[in-house]
């Protein structure tokens, strides 16, 4: 009887392990598909003149291309 119960537990652990593996693979795939969108939208402006020529000024902290080097007064808005 103990052998039969042990086999049932082993099978259940196998099913739980497989389910967890599939869920983890799905989450990783979902995360990997969203990374290129964020990386592709990341911009870099060497000077405020470049940012102004692109028509993206003023840059806020949440905008791609914002960096502290462009924000002279450190108020969260660059190239004002």
Protein backbone atom coordinates (compact mmCIF):
# COMPACT_ATOMS: atom_id res chain seq x y z
CA UNK A 1 0.00 0.00 0.00
CA UNK A 2 2.79 2.45 0.83
CA UNK A 3 4.44 1.80 -2.53
CA UNK A 4 1.22 2.61 -4.37
CA UNK A 5 0.75 5.89 -2.46
CA UNK A 6 4.37 6.88 -3.15
CA UNK A 7 3.84 6.33 -6.89
CA UNK A 8 0.76 8.56 -6.86
CA UNK A 9 2.71 11.36 -5.14
CA UNK A 10 5.56 11.04 -7.62
CA UNK A 11 3.18 11.33 -10.56
CA UNK A 12 1.50 14.39 -9.05
CA UNK A 13 4.86 16.08 -8.50
CA UNK A 14 5.72 15.32 -12.10
CA UNK A 15 2.52 16.99 -13.35
CA UNK A 16 3.02 20.02 -11.10
CA UNK A 17 6.63 20.30 -12.24
CA UNK A 18 5.63 20.17 -15.90
CA UNK A 19 2.90 22.76 -15.40
CA UNK A 20 5.31 25.09 -13.61
CA UNK A 21 7.85 24.68 -16.42
CA UNK A 22 5.28 25.60 -19.06
CA UNK A 23 4.09 28.63 -17.08
CA UNK A 24 7.66 29.81 -16.58
CA UNK A 25 8.44 29.37 -20.29
CA UNK A 26 5.31 31.38 -21.18
CA UNK A 27 6.25 34.22 -18.83
CA UNK A 28 9.81 34.37 -20.15
CA UNK A 29 8.56 34.40 -23.74
CA UNK A 30 6.10 37.16 -22.93
CA UNK A 31 8.82 39.27 -21.32
CA UNK A 32 11.26 38.71 -24.17
CA UNK A 33 8.76 39.88 -26.78
CA UNK A 34 8.30 43.22 -25.01
CA UNK A 35 11.97 44.04 -24.48
CA UNK A 36 12.80 45.01 -28.10
CA UNK A 37 10.02 47.62 -28.15
CA UNK A 38 11.51 49.46 -25.21
CA UNK A 39 15.07 49.16 -26.49
CA UNK A 40 14.11 50.35 -29.96
CA UNK A 41 12.43 53.48 -28.59
CA UNK A 42 15.50 54.49 -26.56
CA UNK A 43 17.07 57.60 -28.09
CA UNK A 44 20.19 59.58 -27.28
CA UNK A 45 20.64 63.28 -27.89
CA UNK A 46 24.18 64.60 -27.50
CA UNK A 47 22.98 68.19 -27.25
CA UNK A 48 19.75 70.08 -26.79
CA UNK A 49 20.13 71.34 -30.35
CA UNK A 50 19.71 67.78 -31.65
CA UNK A 51 16.64 67.29 -29.47
CA UNK A 52 15.14 70.59 -30.66
CA UNK A 53 15.78 69.72 -34.30
CA UNK A 54 13.90 66.45 -33.83
CA UNK A 55 10.94 68.39 -32.38
CA UNK A 56 10.89 66.47 -29.09
CA UNK A 57 11.59 69.28 -26.65
CA UNK A 58 11.17 69.80 -23.79
CA UNK A 59 12.13 66.30 -22.67
CA UNK A 60 10.70 65.03 -19.40
CA UNK A 61 12.10 62.24 -17.24
CA UNK A 62 9.69 59.72 -18.77
CA UNK A 63 10.64 60.58 -22.37
CA UNK A 64 13.16 58.48 -24.27
CA UNK A 65 16.31 60.51 -24.73
CA UNK A 66 16.09 62.35 -21.41
CA UNK A 67 19.29 62.40 -19.39
CA UNK A 68 20.68 64.52 -16.60
CA UNK A 69 23.37 65.96 -18.88
CA UNK A 70 20.68 67.83 -20.80
CA UNK A 71 18.75 68.95 -17.71
CA UNK A 72 20.69 72.01 -16.49
CA UNK A 73 18.50 72.93 -13.52
CA UNK A 74 17.63 69.30 -12.57
CA UNK A 75 13.88 69.92 -12.50
CA UNK A 76 12.96 66.89 -14.63
CA UNK A 77 12.57 68.83 -17.87
CA UNK A 78 15.53 68.98 -20.23
CA UNK A 79 16.17 71.40 -23.12
CA UNK A 80 13.62 73.98 -22.02
